[in-house]
């Protein structure tokens, strides 16, 4: 992950111990994932470890990354399953 260019905005997906996906935006995926693992950040992930960084993709601007995040959050569970190889429990 350390090959990421700093200050480039990324959308990421984290899988929790319940097999649910969490989607977020950051300018440093490695730092943000470590924060989530330590229980800092999103309440949706607290106490639901171990966490796995499933996917991330960089974008040229925060605005674009936020639009992609919104798009992903609107997808149905079935669509997410196909796109991200996710099996809901």
N, C-alpha and C. Protein backbone atom coordinates (compact mmCIF):
# COMPACT_ATOMS: atom_id res chain seq x y z
N UNK A 1 0.81 -1.20 0.00
CA UNK A 1 0.00 0.00 0.00
C UNK A 1 0.86 1.26 0.00
N UNK A 2 2.08 1.19 0.43
CA UNK A 2 2.89 2.39 0.57
C UNK A 2 3.25 3.01 -0.78
N UNK A 3 2.91 2.35 -1.88
CA UNK A 3 3.18 2.91 -3.20
C UNK A 3 2.16 3.98 -3.59
N UNK A 4 1.13 4.16 -2.78
CA UNK A 4 0.11 5.15 -3.10
C UNK A 4 0.71 6.55 -3.10
N UNK A 5 0.28 7.37 -4.03
CA UNK A 5 0.72 8.75 -4.08
C UNK A 5 -0.05 9.53 -3.02
N UNK A 6 0.68 10.26 -2.17
CA UNK A 6 0.02 11.04 -1.13
C UNK A 6 -0.86 12.12 -1.74
N UNK A 7 -1.90 12.44 -1.04
CA UNK A 7 -2.84 13.50 -1.41
C UNK A 7 -3.64 13.16 -2.67
N UNK A 8 -3.60 11.95 -3.12
CA UNK A 8 -4.48 11.50 -4.18
C UNK A 8 -5.65 10.84 -3.48
N UNK A 9 -6.83 11.24 -3.80
CA UNK A 9 -8.01 10.74 -3.11
C UNK A 9 -8.38 9.35 -3.59
N UNK A 10 -8.76 8.50 -2.67
CA UNK A 10 -9.12 7.12 -2.99
C UNK A 10 -10.45 6.75 -2.34
N UNK A 11 -11.12 5.83 -3.00
CA UNK A 11 -12.31 5.19 -2.44
C UNK A 11 -11.85 3.80 -2.02
N UNK A 12 -12.30 3.35 -0.85
CA UNK A 12 -11.86 2.04 -0.36
C UNK A 12 -13.04 1.27 0.21
N UNK A 13 -12.88 -0.05 0.25
CA UNK A 13 -13.87 -0.94 0.85
C UNK A 13 -13.17 -1.80 1.89
N UNK A 14 -13.76 -1.87 3.07
CA UNK A 14 -13.25 -2.70 4.15
C UNK A 14 -14.34 -3.71 4.51
N UNK A 15 -13.91 -4.96 4.67
CA UNK A 15 -14.83 -6.02 5.09
C UNK A 15 -14.64 -6.26 6.59
N UNK A 16 -15.75 -6.35 7.32
CA UNK A 16 -15.65 -6.60 8.76
C UNK A 16 -15.88 -8.08 9.06
N UNK A 17 -15.88 -8.44 10.34
CA UNK A 17 -16.02 -9.85 10.73
C UNK A 17 -17.40 -10.42 10.45
N UNK A 18 -18.34 -9.55 10.13
CA UNK A 18 -19.70 -10.00 9.79
C UNK A 18 -19.90 -10.08 8.28
N UNK A 19 -18.81 -9.91 7.56
CA UNK A 19 -18.78 -9.99 6.10
C UNK A 19 -19.46 -8.80 5.43
N UNK A 20 -19.71 -7.74 6.17
CA UNK A 20 -20.30 -6.53 5.61
C UNK A 20 -19.19 -5.64 5.05
N UNK A 21 -19.53 -4.87 4.04
CA UNK A 21 -18.57 -3.95 3.44
C UNK A 21 -18.82 -2.53 3.91
N UNK A 22 -17.74 -1.84 4.22
CA UNK A 22 -17.79 -0.42 4.57
C UNK A 22 -17.06 0.33 3.48
N UNK A 23 -17.66 1.40 2.97
CA UNK A 23 -17.06 2.20 1.90
C UNK A 23 -16.69 3.57 2.45
N UNK A 24 -15.50 4.05 2.08
CA UNK A 24 -15.06 5.35 2.54
C UNK A 24 -14.16 6.04 1.53
N UNK A 25 -13.81 7.30 1.83
CA UNK A 25 -12.94 8.12 0.99
C UNK A 25 -11.80 8.64 1.87
N UNK A 26 -10.59 8.64 1.33
CA UNK A 26 -9.44 9.16 2.07
C UNK A 26 -8.36 9.59 1.09
N UNK A 27 -7.40 10.37 1.60
CA UNK A 27 -6.25 10.72 0.78
C UNK A 27 -5.02 9.90 1.19
N UNK A 28 -5.21 8.92 2.09
CA UNK A 28 -4.13 8.04 2.52
C UNK A 28 -4.77 6.72 2.99
N UNK A 29 -4.88 5.77 2.08
CA UNK A 29 -5.57 4.51 2.38
C UNK A 29 -4.88 3.76 3.51
N UNK A 30 -3.57 3.67 3.47
CA UNK A 30 -2.84 2.93 4.50
C UNK A 30 -3.08 3.51 5.89
N UNK A 31 -2.96 4.83 6.02
CA UNK A 31 -3.19 5.49 7.31
C UNK A 31 -4.62 5.28 7.78
N UNK A 32 -5.58 5.44 6.89
CA UNK A 32 -6.99 5.32 7.25
C UNK A 32 -7.35 3.90 7.67
N UNK A 33 -6.80 2.91 6.96
CA UNK A 33 -7.07 1.52 7.33
C UNK A 33 -6.52 1.22 8.72
N UNK A 34 -5.33 1.71 9.02
CA UNK A 34 -4.75 1.52 10.35
C UNK A 34 -5.62 2.17 11.42
N UNK A 35 -6.17 3.35 11.12
CA UNK A 35 -7.07 4.01 12.07
C UNK A 35 -8.30 3.14 12.34
N UNK A 36 -8.88 2.59 11.28
CA UNK A 36 -10.05 1.72 11.44
C UNK A 36 -9.69 0.50 12.28
N UNK A 37 -8.52 -0.09 12.04
CA UNK A 37 -8.11 -1.27 12.80
C UNK A 37 -7.94 -0.96 14.28
N UNK A 38 -7.58 0.26 14.61
CA UNK A 38 -7.40 0.68 16.01
C UNK A 38 -8.70 1.14 16.65
N UNK A 39 -9.81 1.08 15.91
CA UNK A 39 -11.09 1.49 16.46
C UNK A 39 -11.36 2.97 16.37
N UNK A 40 -10.52 3.70 15.63
CA UNK A 40 -10.73 5.13 15.44
C UNK A 40 -11.41 5.35 14.10
N UNK A 41 -12.31 6.31 14.06
CA UNK A 41 -12.97 6.58 12.79
C UNK A 41 -14.40 6.14 12.80
N UNK A 42 -14.78 5.38 11.82
CA UNK A 42 -16.18 5.00 11.60
C UNK A 42 -16.73 4.12 12.72
N UNK A 43 -17.84 4.55 13.29
CA UNK A 43 -18.51 3.76 14.32
C UNK A 43 -18.98 2.42 13.76
N UNK A 44 -19.28 2.38 12.47
CA UNK A 44 -19.77 1.16 11.84
C UNK A 44 -18.76 0.02 11.90
N UNK A 45 -17.49 0.34 12.11
CA UNK A 45 -16.45 -0.70 12.13
C UNK A 45 -15.93 -1.01 13.54
N UNK A 46 -16.28 -0.20 14.51
CA UNK A 46 -15.77 -0.41 15.87
C UNK A 46 -16.27 -1.74 16.45
N UNK A 47 -15.32 -2.53 16.95
CA UNK A 47 -15.67 -3.80 17.57
C UNK A 47 -16.06 -4.88 16.59
N UNK A 48 -15.81 -4.67 15.31
CA UNK A 48 -16.22 -5.65 14.30
C UNK A 48 -15.02 -6.21 13.54
N UNK A 49 -13.85 -6.20 14.19
CA UNK A 49 -12.65 -6.74 13.58
C UNK A 49 -12.62 -8.25 13.69
N UNK A 50 -11.73 -8.91 12.99
CA UNK A 50 -10.68 -8.29 12.19
C UNK A 50 -11.24 -7.67 10.91
N UNK A 51 -10.57 -6.63 10.47
CA UNK A 51 -10.97 -5.92 9.26
C UNK A 51 -10.03 -6.29 8.13
N UNK A 52 -10.56 -6.28 6.92
CA UNK A 52 -9.77 -6.59 5.74
C UNK A 52 -9.99 -5.50 4.70
N UNK A 53 -8.91 -4.93 4.21
CA UNK A 53 -9.01 -3.97 3.12
C UNK A 53 -9.24 -4.78 1.85
N UNK A 54 -10.44 -4.69 1.31
CA UNK A 54 -10.82 -5.51 0.16
C UNK A 54 -10.48 -4.88 -1.18
N UNK A 55 -10.57 -3.54 -1.26
CA UNK A 55 -10.43 -2.87 -2.55
C UNK A 55 -10.20 -1.39 -2.32
N UNK A 56 -9.43 -0.78 -3.21
CA UNK A 56 -9.33 0.67 -3.24
C UNK A 56 -8.95 1.10 -4.64
N UNK A 57 -9.29 2.35 -4.95
CA UNK A 57 -8.96 2.90 -6.26
C UNK A 57 -8.72 4.40 -6.11
N UNK A 58 -7.61 4.89 -6.65
CA UNK A 58 -7.31 6.33 -6.57
C UNK A 58 -8.08 7.13 -7.62
N UNK A 59 -8.35 8.39 -7.29
CA UNK A 59 -9.01 9.32 -8.20
C UNK A 59 -8.28 10.65 -8.17
N UNK A 60 -8.47 11.45 -9.18
CA UNK A 60 -7.73 12.71 -9.31
C UNK A 60 -8.20 13.79 -8.36
N UNK A 61 -9.43 13.70 -7.89
CA UNK A 61 -9.95 14.75 -7.01
C UNK A 61 -10.83 14.15 -5.92
N UNK A 62 -10.97 14.89 -4.84
CA UNK A 62 -11.84 14.48 -3.75
C UNK A 62 -13.28 14.41 -4.24
N UNK A 63 -13.66 15.37 -5.07
CA UNK A 63 -15.02 15.41 -5.60
C UNK A 63 -15.36 14.14 -6.37
N UNK A 64 -14.46 13.71 -7.22
CA UNK A 64 -14.70 12.49 -7.99
C UNK A 64 -14.77 11.28 -7.07
N UNK A 65 -13.85 11.20 -6.11
CA UNK A 65 -13.85 10.07 -5.17
C UNK A 65 -15.16 10.01 -4.39
N UNK A 66 -15.65 11.17 -3.97
CA UNK A 66 -16.90 11.19 -3.21
C UNK A 66 -18.10 10.78 -4.07
N UNK A 67 -18.07 11.12 -5.34
CA UNK A 67 -19.14 10.69 -6.24
C UNK A 67 -19.12 9.18 -6.43
N UNK A 68 -17.92 8.60 -6.53
CA UNK A 68 -17.79 7.15 -6.68
C UNK A 68 -18.24 6.46 -5.39
N UNK A 69 -17.85 7.01 -4.24
CA UNK A 69 -18.29 6.46 -2.96
C UNK A 69 -19.82 6.45 -2.88
N UNK A 70 -20.44 7.54 -3.26
CA UNK A 70 -21.90 7.63 -3.23
C UNK A 70 -22.51 6.57 -4.17
N UNK A 71 -21.93 6.45 -5.35
CA UNK A 71 -22.41 5.46 -6.32
C UNK A 71 -22.34 4.05 -5.73
N UNK A 72 -21.21 3.71 -5.13
CA UNK A 72 -21.04 2.37 -4.55
C UNK A 72 -22.05 2.15 -3.43
N UNK A 73 -22.26 3.15 -2.61
CA UNK A 73 -23.20 3.00 -1.49
C UNK A 73 -24.64 2.81 -1.96
N UNK A 74 -24.94 3.22 -3.17
CA UNK A 74 -26.29 3.07 -3.72
C UNK A 74 -26.51 1.69 -4.35
N UNK A 75 -25.44 0.94 -4.56
CA UNK A 75 -25.56 -0.38 -5.20
C UNK A 75 -26.29 -1.36 -4.30
N UNK A 76 -26.99 -2.28 -4.90
CA UNK A 76 -27.65 -3.34 -4.14
C UNK A 76 -26.60 -4.34 -3.65
N UNK A 77 -26.95 -5.13 -2.66
CA UNK A 77 -26.03 -6.14 -2.14
C UNK A 77 -25.66 -7.14 -3.24
N UNK A 78 -26.60 -7.47 -4.09
CA UNK A 78 -26.32 -8.41 -5.18
C UNK A 78 -25.29 -7.84 -6.15
N UNK A 79 -25.42 -6.57 -6.49
CA UNK A 79 -24.46 -5.93 -7.39
C UNK A 79 -23.09 -5.85 -6.74
N UNK A 80 -23.04 -5.48 -5.47
CA UNK A 80 -21.76 -5.43 -4.76
C UNK A 80 -21.11 -6.81 -4.73
N UNK A 81 -21.93 -7.83 -4.54
CA UNK A 81 -21.41 -9.20 -4.52
C UNK A 81 -20.69 -9.51 -5.83
N UNK A 82 -21.28 -9.14 -6.94
CA UNK A 82 -20.67 -9.42 -8.25
C UNK A 82 -19.45 -8.55 -8.51
N UNK A 83 -19.52 -7.29 -8.16
CA UNK A 83 -18.41 -6.37 -8.42
C UNK A 83 -17.22 -6.62 -7.52
N UNK A 84 -17.47 -6.94 -6.26
CA UNK A 84 -16.40 -7.03 -5.28
C UNK A 84 -16.23 -8.43 -4.70
N UNK A 85 -16.86 -9.44 -5.32
CA UNK A 85 -16.73 -10.83 -4.89
C UNK A 85 -17.04 -10.99 -3.41
N UNK A 86 -18.14 -10.43 -3.01
CA UNK A 86 -18.56 -10.36 -1.62
C UNK A 86 -19.72 -11.32 -1.40
N UNK A 87 -19.64 -12.12 -0.38
CA UNK A 87 -20.71 -13.07 -0.04
C UNK A 87 -21.39 -12.65 1.25
N UNK A 88 -22.59 -12.07 1.18
CA UNK A 88 -23.27 -11.71 2.43
C UNK A 88 -23.67 -12.94 3.22
N UNK A 89 -23.69 -12.82 4.54
CA UNK A 89 -24.08 -13.94 5.41
C UNK A 89 -25.53 -13.87 5.71
